[in-house]
Amino acid sequence: QVRLVESGGGLVQAGGSLRLSCAAPGSIFGSSAMGWYRQAPGKQRELVARIPRGGGTNFYADSVKGRFTISRDNAKNTVYLQMNSLEPMDTAVYCCNAYDYVRQYWGQGIQVTVSS
């Protein structure tokens, strides 16, 4: 069973920063686009950022452009989401996603809470 493992969430004050990490099995990481989704209470899940598997343009949701940066370390099979200038509206469960153009794989999710 493929397992994505997230870390780095927690509680932070508005204006602060957090970095999320997601480790994936090497068997899928290199062949997958990696992304971060989030879901806030009462809202639909939304794609926050995605990084392609072999270079190209990263995707960011309009609400996080200029504040969040997605990156990947192919040697460590890990994708990161650097979140700066956090706002209370960023409070959500963040979930890592791997898409190898055939299947999607998900992490269990990690809570990010931004206090005002």
PDB file of N, CA and C in Angstrom:
ATOM      1  N   GLN A   1       0.848  -1.184   0.000  1.00  0.00           N
ATOM      2  CA  GLN A   1       0.000   0.000   0.000  1.00  0.00           C
ATOM      3  C   GLN A   1       0.886   1.236   0.000  1.00  0.00           C
ATOM      4  N   VAL A   2       0.616   2.139  -0.948  1.00  0.00           N
ATOM      5  CA  VAL A   2       1.406   3.359  -1.036  1.00  0.00           C
ATOM      6  C   VAL A   2       1.009   4.301   0.079  1.00  0.00           C
ATOM      7  N   ARG A   3       2.014   4.848   0.730  1.00  0.00           N
ATOM      8  CA  ARG A   3       1.732   5.721   1.860  1.00  0.00           C
ATOM      9  C   ARG A   3       2.537   7.003   1.716  1.00  0.00           C
ATOM     10  N   LEU A   4       1.841   8.119   1.773  1.00  0.00           N
ATOM     11  CA  LEU A   4       2.481   9.426   1.790  1.00  0.00           C
ATOM     12  C   LEU A   4       2.452   9.930   3.225  1.00  0.00           C
ATOM     13  N   VAL A   5       3.563  10.431   3.706  1.00  0.00           N
ATOM     14  CA  VAL A   5       3.659  10.838   5.104  1.00  0.00           C
ATOM     15  C   VAL A   5       3.943  12.328   5.196  1.00  0.00           C
ATOM     16  N   GLU A   6       2.985  13.061   5.766  1.00  0.00           N
ATOM     17  CA  GLU A   6       3.114  14.514   5.900  1.00  0.00           C
ATOM     18  C   GLU A   6       3.644  14.870   7.285  1.00  0.00           C
ATOM     19  N   SER A   7       4.311  16.015   7.344  1.00  0.00           N
ATOM     20  CA  SER A   7       4.773  16.553   8.626  1.00  0.00           C
ATOM     21  C   SER A   7       4.903  18.060   8.504  1.00  0.00           C
ATOM     22  N   GLY A   8       4.979  18.725   9.658  1.00  0.00           N
ATOM     23  CA  GLY A   8       5.252  20.154   9.674  1.00  0.00           C
ATOM     24  C   GLY A   8       4.082  21.056   9.969  1.00  0.00           C
ATOM     25  N   GLY A   9       2.907  20.493  10.158  1.00  0.00           N
ATOM     26  CA  GLY A   9       1.757  21.339  10.458  1.00  0.00           C
ATOM     27  C   GLY A   9       1.794  21.834  11.897  1.00  0.00           C
ATOM     28  N   GLY A  10       0.748  22.571  12.259  1.00  0.00           N
ATOM     29  CA  GLY A  10       0.649  23.053  13.629  1.00  0.00           C
ATOM     30  C   GLY A  10      -0.090  24.364  13.710  1.00  0.00           C
ATOM     31  N   LEU A  11       0.148  25.043  14.819  1.00  0.00           N
ATOM     32  CA  LEU A  11      -0.510  26.318  15.112  1.00  0.00           C
ATOM     33  C   LEU A  11       0.484  27.451  14.952  1.00  0.00           C
ATOM     34  N   VAL A  12       0.069  28.488  14.253  1.00  0.00           N
ATOM     35  CA  VAL A  12       0.943  29.639  14.041  1.00  0.00           C
ATOM     36  C   VAL A  12       0.098  30.901  14.051  1.00  0.00           C
ATOM     37  N   GLN A  13       0.690  32.006  14.423  1.00  0.00           N
ATOM     38  CA  GLN A  13      -0.017  33.285  14.401  1.00  0.00           C
ATOM     39  C   GLN A  13      -0.051  33.848  12.979  1.00  0.00           C
ATOM     40  N   ALA A  14      -1.042  34.658  12.734  1.00  0.00           N
ATOM     41  CA  ALA A  14      -1.146  35.322  11.434  1.00  0.00           C
ATOM     42  C   ALA A  14       0.147  36.078  11.142  1.00  0.00           C
ATOM     43  N   GLY A  15       0.589  35.947   9.893  1.00  0.00           N
ATOM     44  CA  GLY A  15       1.847  36.558   9.496  1.00  0.00           C
ATOM     45  C   GLY A  15       3.041  35.637   9.617  1.00  0.00           C
ATOM     46  N   GLY A  16       2.850  34.515  10.270  1.00  0.00           N
ATOM     47  CA  GLY A  16       3.938  33.562  10.465  1.00  0.00           C
ATOM     48  C   GLY A  16       4.125  32.621   9.302  1.00  0.00           C
ATOM     49  N   SER A  17       5.021  31.667   9.489  1.00  0.00           N
ATOM     50  CA  SER A  17       5.380  30.729   8.430  1.00  0.00           C
ATOM     51  C   SER A  17       5.392  29.302   8.953  1.00  0.00           C
ATOM     52  N   LEU A  18       5.117  28.388   8.047  1.00  0.00           N
ATOM     53  CA  LEU A  18       5.259  26.966   8.302  1.00  0.00           C
ATOM     54  C   LEU A  18       5.781  26.312   7.035  1.00  0.00           C
ATOM     55  N   ARG A  19       6.462  25.180   7.211  1.00  0.00           N
ATOM     56  CA  ARG A  19       6.864  24.388   6.056  1.00  0.00           C
ATOM     57  C   ARG A  19       6.334  22.973   6.222  1.00  0.00           C
ATOM     58  N   LEU A  20       5.528  22.563   5.268  1.00  0.00           N
ATOM     59  CA  LEU A  20       5.016  21.199   5.247  1.00  0.00           C
ATOM     60  C   LEU A  20       5.940  20.322   4.407  1.00  0.00           C
ATOM     61  N   SER A  21       6.076  19.089   4.842  1.00  0.00           N
ATOM     62  CA  SER A  21       6.866  18.102   4.097  1.00  0.00           C
ATOM     63  C   SER A  21       6.005  16.879   3.840  1.00  0.00           C
ATOM     64  N   CYS A  22       6.284  16.232   2.735  1.00  0.00           N
ATOM     65  CA  CYS A  22       5.576  14.995   2.403  1.00  0.00           C
ATOM     66  C   CYS A  22       6.571  14.033   1.775  1.00  0.00           C
ATOM     67  N   ALA A  23       6.758  12.906   2.438  1.00  0.00           N
ATOM     68  CA  ALA A  23       7.652  11.872   1.929  1.00  0.00           C
ATOM     69  C   ALA A  23       6.838  10.793   1.221  1.00  0.00           C
ATOM     70  N   ALA A  24       7.297  10.422   0.049  1.00  0.00           N
ATOM     71  CA  ALA A  24       6.600   9.413  -0.745  1.00  0.00           C
ATOM     72  C   ALA A  24       7.556   8.272  -1.073  1.00  0.00           C
ATOM     73  N   PRO A  25       7.030   7.093  -1.343  1.00  0.00           N
ATOM     74  CA  PRO A  25       7.895   5.992  -1.763  1.00  0.00           C
ATOM     75  C   PRO A  25       8.623   6.327  -3.061  1.00  0.00           C
ATOM     76  N   GLY A  26       9.862   5.887  -3.131  1.00  0.00           N
ATOM     77  CA  GLY A  26      10.630   6.152  -4.336  1.00  0.00           C
ATOM     78  C   GLY A  26      10.021   5.539  -5.580  1.00  0.00           C
ATOM     79  N   SER A  27       9.224   4.487  -5.393  1.00  0.00           N
ATOM     80  CA  SER A  27       8.619   3.796  -6.529  1.00  0.00           C
ATOM     81  C   SER A  27       7.629   4.665  -7.289  1.00  0.00           C
ATOM     82  N   ILE A  28       7.093   5.703  -6.638  1.00  0.00           N
ATOM     83  CA  ILE A  28       6.124   6.574  -7.316  1.00  0.00           C
ATOM     84  C   ILE A  28       6.606   8.011  -7.417  1.00  0.00           C
ATOM     85  N   PHE A  29       7.494   8.434  -6.540  1.00  0.00           N
ATOM     86  CA  PHE A  29       7.817   9.860  -6.453  1.00  0.00           C
ATOM     87  C   PHE A  29       8.364  10.395  -7.768  1.00  0.00           C
ATOM     88  N   GLY A  30       9.335   9.724  -8.319  1.00  0.00           N
ATOM     89  CA  GLY A  30       9.983  10.232  -9.527  1.00  0.00           C
ATOM     90  C   GLY A  30       9.068  10.313 -10.738  1.00  0.00           C
ATOM     91  N   SER A  31       8.014   9.520 -10.740  1.00  0.00           N
ATOM     92  CA  SER A  31       7.112   9.491 -11.888  1.00  0.00           C
ATOM     93  C   SER A  31       5.834  10.272 -11.641  1.00  0.00           C
ATOM     94  N   SER A  32       5.784  10.992 -10.514  1.00  0.00           N
ATOM     95  CA  SER A  32       4.533  11.647 -10.135  1.00  0.00           C
ATOM     96  C   SER A  32       4.646  13.158 -10.077  1.00  0.00           C
ATOM     97  N   ALA A  33       3.574  13.806 -10.499  1.00  0.00           N
ATOM     98  CA  ALA A  33       3.377  15.198 -10.132  1.00  0.00           C
ATOM     99  C   ALA A  33       2.949  15.188  -8.668  1.00  0.00           C
ATOM    100  N   MET A  34       3.491  16.113  -7.901  1.00  0.00           N
ATOM    101  CA  MET A  34       3.186  16.153  -6.468  1.00  0.00           C
ATOM    102  C   MET A  34       2.415  17.429  -6.161  1.00  0.00           C
ATOM    103  N   GLY A  35       1.435  17.296  -5.289  1.00  0.00           N
ATOM    104  CA  GLY A  35       0.621  18.459  -4.991  1.00  0.00           C
ATOM    105  C   GLY A  35       0.188  18.513  -3.545  1.00  0.00           C
ATOM    106  N   TRP A  36      -0.303  19.655  -3.173  1.00  0.00           N
ATOM    107  CA  TRP A  36      -0.895  19.873  -1.849  1.00  0.00           C
ATOM    108  C   TRP A  36      -2.320  20.372  -2.045  1.00  0.00           C
ATOM    109  N   TYR A  37      -3.245  19.721  -1.369  1.00  0.00           N
ATOM    110  CA  TYR A  37      -4.632  20.142  -1.307  1.00  0.00           C
ATOM    111  C   TYR A  37      -4.938  20.575   0.115  1.00  0.00           C
ATOM    112  N   ARG A  38      -6.018  21.320   0.273  1.00  0.00           N
ATOM    113  CA  ARG A  38      -6.463  21.663   1.612  1.00  0.00           C
ATOM    114  C   ARG A  38      -7.979  21.663   1.669  1.00  0.00           C
ATOM    115  N   GLN A  39      -8.472  21.407   2.853  1.00  0.00           N
ATOM    116  CA  GLN A  39      -9.913  21.455   3.076  1.00  0.00           C
ATOM    117  C   GLN A  39     -10.192  22.098   4.416  1.00  0.00           C
ATOM    118  N   ALA A  40     -10.909  23.182   4.359  1.00  0.00           N
ATOM    119  CA  ALA A  40     -11.321  23.883   5.567  1.00  0.00           C
ATOM    120  C   ALA A  40     -12.709  23.389   5.964  1.00  0.00           C
ATOM    121  N   PRO A  41     -13.065  23.535   7.234  1.00  0.00           N
ATOM    122  CA  PRO A  41     -14.386  23.078   7.682  1.00  0.00           C
ATOM    123  C   PRO A  41     -15.509  23.713   6.872  1.00  0.00           C
ATOM    124  N   GLY A  42     -16.405  22.883   6.373  1.00  0.00           N
ATOM    125  CA  GLY A  42     -17.547  23.381   5.627  1.00  0.00           C
ATOM    126  C   GLY A  42     -17.252  23.792   4.199  1.00  0.00           C
ATOM    127  N   LYS A  43     -16.024  23.559   3.748  1.00  0.00           N
ATOM    128  CA  LYS A  43     -15.650  23.965   2.390  1.00  0.00           C
ATOM    129  C   LYS A  43     -15.177  22.758   1.588  1.00  0.00           C
ATOM    130  N   GLN A  44     -15.173  22.918   0.287  1.00  0.00           N
ATOM    131  CA  GLN A  44     -14.687  21.858  -0.582  1.00  0.00           C
ATOM    132  C   GLN A  44     -13.169  21.814  -0.566  1.00  0.00           C
ATOM    133  N   ARG A  45     -12.650  20.637  -0.850  1.00  0.00           N
ATOM    134  CA  ARG A  45     -11.212  20.499  -0.975  1.00  0.00           C
ATOM    135  C   ARG A  45     -10.727  21.276  -2.186  1.00  0.00           C
ATOM    136  N   GLU A  46      -9.605  21.950  -2.035  1.00  0.00           N
ATOM    137  CA  GLU A  46      -9.071  22.727  -3.137  1.00  0.00           C
ATOM    138  C   GLU A  46      -7.591  22.418  -3.342  1.00  0.00           C
ATOM    139  N   LEU A  47      -7.168  22.489  -4.587  1.00  0.00           N
ATOM    140  CA  LEU A  47      -5.768  22.323  -4.912  1.00  0.00           C
ATOM    141  C   LEU A  47      -5.034  23.612  -4.577  1.00  0.00           C
ATOM    142  N   VAL A  48      -4.025  23.510  -3.761  1.00  0.00           N
ATOM    143  CA  VAL A  48      -3.252  24.672  -3.340  1.00  0.00           C
ATOM    144  C   VAL A  48      -2.056  24.892  -4.260  1.00  0.00           C
ATOM    145  N   ALA A  49      -1.309  23.825  -4.516  1.00  0.00           N
ATOM    146  CA  ALA A  49      -0.103  23.936  -5.334  1.00  0.00           C
ATOM    147  C   ALA A  49       0.239  22.564  -5.895  1.00  0.00           C
ATOM    148  N   ARG A  50       0.879  22.578  -7.059  1.00  0.00           N
ATOM    149  CA  ARG A  50       1.303  21.324  -7.686  1.00  0.00           C
ATOM    150  C   ARG A  50       2.608  21.573  -8.410  1.00  0.00           C
ATOM    151  N   ILE A  51       3.482  20.570  -8.338  1.00  0.00           N
ATOM    152  CA  ILE A  51       4.761  20.645  -9.026  1.00  0.00           C
ATOM    153  C   ILE A  51       4.870  19.437  -9.946  1.00  0.00           C
ATOM    154  N   PRO A  52       5.189  19.661 -11.204  1.00  0.00           N
ATOM    155  CA  PRO A  52       5.246  18.530 -12.143  1.00  0.00           C
ATOM    156  C   PRO A  52       6.430  17.621 -11.844  1.00  0.00           C
ATOM    157  N   ARG A  53       6.414  16.461 -12.454  1.00  0.00           N
ATOM    158  CA  ARG A  53       7.421  15.463 -12.150  1.00  0.00           C
ATOM    159  C   ARG A  53       8.756  15.758 -12.784  1.00  0.00           C
ATOM    160  N   GLY A  54       8.792  16.414 -13.902  1.00  0.00           N
ATOM    161  CA  GLY A  54      10.043  16.566 -14.615  1.00  0.00           C
ATOM    162  C   GLY A  54      10.356  17.979 -15.044  1.00  0.00           C
ATOM    163  N   GLY A  55      10.026  18.919 -14.210  1.00  0.00           N
ATOM    164  CA  GLY A  55      10.238  20.304 -14.582  1.00  0.00           C
ATOM    165  C   GLY A  55       8.980  20.885 -15.185  1.00  0.00           C
ATOM    166  N   GLY A  56       9.006  22.150 -15.452  1.00  0.00           N
ATOM    167  CA  GLY A  56       7.825  22.816 -15.966  1.00  0.00           C
ATOM    168  C   GLY A  56       7.316  23.834 -14.978  1.00  0.00           C
ATOM    169  N   THR A  57       6.116  24.270 -15.223  1.00  0.00           N
ATOM    170  CA  THR A  57       5.555  25.352 -14.431  1.00  0.00           C
ATOM    171  C   THR A  57       4.767  24.810 -13.243  1.00  0.00           C
ATOM    172  N   ASN A  58       5.054  25.352 -12.093  1.00  0.00           N
ATOM    173  CA  ASN A  58       4.279  24.992 -10.914  1.00  0.00           C
ATOM    174  C   ASN A  58       2.923  25.690 -10.961  1.00  0.00           C
ATOM    175  N   PHE A  59       1.942  25.045 -10.352  1.00  0.00           N
ATOM    176  CA  PHE A  59       0.604  25.640 -10.241  1.00  0.00           C
ATOM    177  C   PHE A  59       0.388  26.125  -8.819  1.00  0.00           C
ATOM    178  N   TYR A  60      -0.243  27.299  -8.704  1.00  0.00           N
ATOM    179  CA  TYR A  60      -0.647  27.810  -7.395  1.00  0.00           C
ATOM    180  C   TYR A  60      -2.079  28.326  -7.487  1.00  0.00           C
ATOM    181  N   ALA A  61      -2.845  28.068  -6.473  1.00  0.00           N
ATOM    182  CA  ALA A  61      -4.153  28.690  -6.367  1.00  0.00           C
ATOM    183  C   ALA A  61      -3.972  30.196  -6.201  1.00  0.00           C
ATOM    184  N   ASP A  62      -4.904  30.944  -6.744  1.00  0.00           N
ATOM    185  CA  ASP A  62      -4.789  32.405  -6.668  1.00  0.00           C
ATOM    186  C   ASP A  62      -4.653  32.899  -5.233  1.00  0.00           C
ATOM    187  N   SER A  63      -5.297  32.208  -4.320  1.00  0.00           N
ATOM    188  CA  SER A  63      -5.321  32.666  -2.930  1.00  0.00           C
ATOM    189  C   SER A  63      -3.970  32.535  -2.235  1.00  0.00           C
ATOM    190  N   VAL A  64      -3.038  31.774  -2.823  1.00  0.00           N
ATOM    191  CA  VAL A  64      -1.747  31.573  -2.160  1.00  0.00           C
ATOM    192  C   VAL A  64      -0.572  32.093  -2.979  1.00  0.00           C
ATOM    193  N   LYS A  65      -0.822  32.573  -4.184  1.00  0.00           N
ATOM    194  CA  LYS A  65       0.262  33.069  -5.034  1.00  0.00           C
ATOM    195  C   LYS A  65       1.033  34.174  -4.328  1.00  0.00           C
ATOM    196  N   GLY A  66       2.352  34.072  -4.401  1.00  0.00           N
ATOM    197  CA  GLY A  66       3.209  35.061  -3.761  1.00  0.00           C
ATOM    198  C   GLY A  66       3.473  34.787  -2.293  1.00  0.00           C
ATOM    199  N   ARG A  67       2.752  33.829  -1.710  1.00  0.00           N
ATOM    200  CA  ARG A  67       2.949  33.517  -0.290  1.00  0.00           C
ATOM    201  C   ARG A  67       3.452  32.091  -0.088  1.00  0.00           C
ATOM    202  N   PHE A  68       3.009  31.170  -0.915  1.00  0.00           N
ATOM    203  CA  PHE A  68       3.374  29.762  -0.787  1.00  0.00           C
ATOM    204  C   PHE A  68       4.328  29.372  -1.914  1.00  0.00           C
ATOM    205  N   THR A  69       5.230  28.455  -1.604  1.00  0.00           N
ATOM    206  CA  THR A  69       6.146  27.926  -2.612  1.00  0.00           C
ATOM    207  C   THR A  69       6.216  26.410  -2.478  1.00  0.00           C
ATOM    208  N   ILE A  70       5.996  25.723  -3.585  1.00  0.00           N
ATOM    209  CA  ILE A  70       6.117  24.270  -3.592  1.00  0.00           C
ATOM    210  C   ILE A  70       7.457  23.910  -4.225  1.00  0.00           C
ATOM    211  N   SER A  71       8.103  22.895  -3.655  1.00  0.00           N
ATOM    212  CA  SER A  71       9.374  22.424  -4.205  1.00  0.00           C
ATOM    213  C   SER A  71       9.486  20.931  -3.945  1.00  0.00           C
ATOM    214  N   ARG A  72      10.413  20.302  -4.650  1.00  0.00           N
ATOM    215  CA  ARG A  72      10.602  18.871  -4.447  1.00  0.00           C
ATOM    216  C   ARG A  72      12.090  18.555  -4.432  1.00  0.00           C
ATOM    217  N   ASP A  73      12.431  17.558  -3.620  1.00  0.00           N
ATOM    218  CA  ASP A  73      13.794  17.057  -3.543  1.00  0.00           C
ATOM    219  C   ASP A  73      13.747  15.617  -4.023  1.00  0.00           C
ATOM    220  N   ASN A  74      14.156  15.403  -5.248  1.00  0.00           N
ATOM    221  CA  ASN A  74      14.044  14.067  -5.830  1.00  0.00           C
ATOM    222  C   ASN A  74      14.989  13.063  -5.180  1.00  0.00           C
ATOM    223  N   ALA A  75      16.063  13.546  -4.583  1.00  0.00           N
ATOM    224  CA  ALA A  75      16.989  12.641  -3.888  1.00  0.00           C
ATOM    225  C   ALA A  75      16.383  12.115  -2.589  1.00  0.00           C
ATOM    226  N   LYS A  76      15.488  12.906  -1.999  1.00  0.00           N
ATOM    227  CA  LYS A  76      14.866  12.517  -0.728  1.00  0.00           C
ATOM    228  C   LYS A  76      13.433  12.040  -0.905  1.00  0.00           C
ATOM    229  N   ASN A  77      12.946  12.043  -2.141  1.00  0.00           N
ATOM    230  CA  ASN A  77      11.554  11.644  -2.406  1.00  0.00           C
ATOM    231  C   ASN A  77      10.575  12.448  -1.559  1.00  0.00           C
ATOM    232  N   THR A  78      10.827  13.734  -1.474  1.00  0.00           N
ATOM    233  CA  THR A  78      10.045  14.592  -0.586  1.00  0.00           C
ATOM    234  C   THR A  78       9.605  15.859  -1.321  1.00  0.00           C
ATOM    235  N   VAL A  79       8.385  16.261  -1.062  1.00  0.00           N
ATOM    236  CA  VAL A  79       7.870  17.525  -1.576  1.00  0.00           C
ATOM    237  C   VAL A  79       7.587  18.444  -0.395  1.00  0.00           C
ATOM    238  N   TYR A  80       7.822  19.717  -0.610  1.00  0.00           N
ATOM    239  CA  TYR A  80       7.669  20.705   0.456  1.00  0.00           C
ATOM    240  C   TYR A  80       6.654  21.771   0.045  1.00  0.00           C
ATOM    241  N   LEU A  81       6.024  22.348   1.046  1.00  0.00           N
ATOM    242  CA  LEU A  81       5.190  23.522   0.831  1.00  0.00           C
ATOM    243  C   LEU A  81       5.604  24.559   1.870  1.00  0.00           C
ATOM    244  N   GLN A  82       6.314  25.563   1.403  1.00  0.00           N
ATOM    245  CA  GLN A  82       6.710  26.675   2.268  1.00  0.00           C
ATOM    246  C   GLN A  82       5.576  27.683   2.274  1.00  0.00           C
ATOM    247  N   MET A  83       5.058  27.957   3.444  1.00  0.00           N
ATOM    248  CA  MET A  83       3.911  28.854   3.576  1.00  0.00           C
ATOM    249  C   MET A  83       4.320  30.067   4.397  1.00  0.00           C
ATOM    250  N   ASN A  84       4.317  31.218   3.766  1.00  0.00           N
ATOM    251  CA  ASN A  84       4.669  32.474   4.424  1.00  0.00           C
ATOM    252  C   ASN A  84       3.464  33.391   4.499  1.00  0.00           C
ATOM    253  N   SER A  85       3.564  34.390   5.337  1.00  0.00           N
ATOM    254  CA  SER A  85       2.488  35.375   5.488  1.00  0.00           C
ATOM    255  C   SER A  85       1.142  34.684   5.675  1.00  0.00           C
ATOM    256  N   LEU A  86       1.118  33.721   6.560  1.00  0.00           N
ATOM    257  CA  LEU A  86      -0.098  32.946   6.755  1.00  0.00           C
ATOM    258  C   LEU A  86      -1.218  33.809   7.315  1.00  0.00           C
ATOM    259  N   GLU A  87      -2.422  33.463   6.886  1.00  0.00           N
ATOM    260  CA  GLU A  87      -3.632  34.193   7.283  1.00  0.00           C
ATOM    261  C   GLU A  87      -4.621  33.200   7.896  1.00  0.00           C
ATOM    262  N   PRO A  88      -5.527  33.675   8.718  1.00  0.00           N
ATOM    263  CA  PRO A  88      -6.529  32.760   9.289  1.00  0.00           C
ATOM    264  C   PRO A  88      -7.281  31.969   8.219  1.00  0.00           C
ATOM    265  N   MET A  89      -7.471  32.529   7.037  1.00  0.00           N
ATOM    266  CA  MET A  89      -8.179  31.831   5.969  1.00  0.00           C
ATOM    267  C   MET A  89      -7.403  30.622   5.457  1.00  0.00           C
ATOM    268  N   ASP A  90      -6.117  30.516   5.827  1.00  0.00           N
ATOM    269  CA  ASP A  90      -5.318  29.356   5.429  1.00  0.00           C
ATOM    270  C   ASP A  90      -5.538  28.161   6.346  1.00  0.00           C
ATOM    271  N   THR A  91      -6.274  28.352   7.413  1.00  0.00           N
ATOM    272  CA  THR A  91      -6.558  27.257   8.341  1.00  0.00           C
ATOM    273  C   THR A  91      -7.316  26.151   7.629  1.00  0.00           C
ATOM    274  N   ALA A  92      -6.757  24.946   7.684  1.00  0.00           N
ATOM    275  CA  ALA A  92      -7.356  23.812   6.978  1.00  0.00           C
ATOM    276  C   ALA A  92      -6.549  22.555   7.291  1.00  0.00           C
ATOM    277  N   VAL A  93      -7.079  21.429   6.856  1.00  0.00           N
ATOM    278  CA  VAL A  93      -6.296  20.201   6.811  1.00  0.00           C
ATOM    279  C   VAL A  93      -5.619  20.159   5.442  1.00  0.00           C
ATOM    280  N   TYR A  94      -4.310  20.038   5.450  1.00  0.00           N
ATOM    281  CA  TYR A  94      -3.533  20.001   4.218  1.00  0.00           C
ATOM    282  C   TYR A  94      -3.162  18.555   3.919  1.00  0.00           C
ATOM    283  N   CYS A  95      -3.325  18.170   2.670  1.00  0.00           N
ATOM    284  CA  CYS A  95      -3.137  16.783   2.286  1.00  0.00           C
ATOM    285  C   CYS A  95      -2.211  16.706   1.073  1.00  0.00           C
ATOM    286  N   CYS A  96      -1.250  15.820   1.171  1.00  0.00           N
ATOM    287  CA  CYS A  96      -0.300  15.604   0.084  1.00  0.00           C
ATOM    288  C   CYS A  96      -0.904  14.666  -0.955  1.00  0.00           C
ATOM    289  N   ASN A  97      -0.573  14.907  -2.206  1.00  0.00           N
ATOM    290  CA  ASN A  97      -1.111  14.101  -3.302  1.00  0.00           C
ATOM    291  C   ASN A  97       0.004  13.779  -4.294  1.00  0.00           C
ATOM    292  N   ALA A  98       0.003  12.554  -4.769  1.00  0.00           N
ATOM    293  CA  ALA A  98       0.906  12.136  -5.840  1.00  0.00           C
ATOM    294  C   ALA A  98       0.065  11.612  -6.986  1.00  0.00           C
ATOM    295  N   TYR A  99       0.379  12.057  -8.184  1.00  0.00           N
ATOM    296  CA  TYR A  99      -0.372  11.634  -9.361  1.00  0.00           C
ATOM    297  C   TYR A  99       0.628  11.201 -10.423  1.00  0.00           C
ATOM    298  N   ASP A 100       0.613   9.878 -10.693  1.00  0.00           N
ATOM    299  CA  ASP A 100       1.567   9.354 -11.661  1.00  0.00           C
ATOM    300  C   ASP A 100       0.944   9.208 -13.040  1.00  0.00           C
ATOM    301  N   TYR A 101      -0.130   9.937 -13.273  1.00  0.00           N
ATOM    302  CA  TYR A 101      -0.842  10.005 -14.545  1.00  0.00           C
ATOM    303  C   TYR A 101      -1.643   8.743 -14.820  1.00  0.00           C
ATOM    304  N   VAL A 102      -1.695   7.882 -13.809  1.00  0.00           N
ATOM    305  CA  VAL A 102      -2.568   6.703 -13.851  1.00  0.00           C
ATOM    306  C   VAL A 102      -3.417   6.655 -12.584  1.00  0.00           C
ATOM    307  N   ARG A 103      -2.744   6.822 -11.452  1.00  0.00           N
ATOM    308  CA  ARG A 103      -3.426   6.754 -10.161  1.00  0.00           C
ATOM    309  C   ARG A 103      -3.082   7.977  -9.326  1.00  0.00           C
ATOM    310  N   GLN A 104      -3.935   8.203  -8.351  1.00  0.00           N
ATOM    311  CA  GLN A 104      -3.665   9.236  -7.355  1.00  0.00           C
ATOM    312  C   GLN A 104      -3.442   8.576  -6.009  1.00  0.00           C
ATOM    313  N   TYR A 105      -2.525   9.139  -5.259  1.00  0.00           N
ATOM    314  CA  TYR A 105      -2.205   8.644  -3.925  1.00  0.00           C
ATOM    315  C   TYR A 105      -2.309   9.821  -2.964  1.00  0.00           C
ATOM    316  N   TRP A 106      -2.760   9.508  -1.742  1.00  0.00           N
ATOM    317  CA  TRP A 106      -3.025  10.573  -0.789  1.00  0.00           C
ATOM    318  C   TRP A 106      -2.360  10.296   0.550  1.00  0.00           C
ATOM    319  N   GLY A 107      -1.967  11.379   1.210  1.00  0.00           N
ATOM    320  CA  GLY A 107      -1.571  11.287   2.595  1.00  0.00           C
ATOM    321  C   GLY A 107      -2.804  11.384   3.478  1.00  0.00           C
ATOM    322  N   GLN A 108      -2.582  11.262   4.756  1.00  0.00           N
ATOM    323  CA  GLN A 108      -3.711  11.294   5.696  1.00  0.00           C
ATOM    324  C   GLN A 108      -4.146  12.698   6.049  1.00  0.00           C
ATOM    325  N   GLY A 109      -3.306  13.654   5.782  1.00  0.00           N
ATOM    326  CA  GLY A 109      -3.649  15.032   6.065  1.00  0.00           C
ATOM    327  C   GLY A 109      -3.012  15.522   7.348  1.00  0.00           C
ATOM    328  N   ILE A 110      -2.764  16.823   7.384  1.00  0.00           N
ATOM    329  CA  ILE A 110      -2.146  17.430   8.553  1.00  0.00           C
ATOM    330  C   ILE A 110      -2.805  18.783   8.805  1.00  0.00           C
ATOM    331  N   GLN A 111      -3.048  19.071  10.065  1.00  0.00           N
ATOM    332  CA  GLN A 111      -3.766  20.301  10.422  1.00  0.00           C
ATOM    333  C   GLN A 111      -2.824  21.507  10.434  1.00  0.00           C
ATOM    334  N   VAL A 112      -3.283  22.563   9.822  1.00  0.00           N
ATOM    335  CA  VAL A 112      -2.630  23.871   9.913  1.00  0.00           C
ATOM    336  C   VAL A 112      -3.660  24.851  10.459  1.00  0.00           C
ATOM    337  N   THR A 113      -3.321  25.487  11.543  1.00  0.00           N
ATOM    338  CA  THR A 113      -4.222  26.456  12.170  1.00  0.00           C
ATOM    339  C   THR A 113      -3.507  27.786  12.305  1.00  0.00           C
ATOM    340  N   VAL A 114      -4.132  28.829  11.781  1.00  0.00           N
ATOM    341  CA  VAL A 114      -3.551  30.168  11.832  1.00  0.00           C
ATOM    342  C   VAL A 114      -4.449  31.030  12.707  1.00  0.00           C
ATOM    343  N   SER A 115      -3.905  31.527  13.787  1.00  0.00           N
ATOM    344  CA  SER A 115      -4.679  32.352  14.714  1.00  0.00           C
ATOM    345  C   SER A 115      -4.515  33.834  14.372  1.00  0.00           C
ATOM    346  N   SER A 116      -5.568  34.570  14.645  1.00  0.00           N
ATOM    347  CA  SER A 116      -5.527  36.010  14.317  1.00  0.00           C
ATOM    348  C   SER A 116      -5.008  36.828  15.476  1.00  0.00           C
TER     349      SER A 116
END
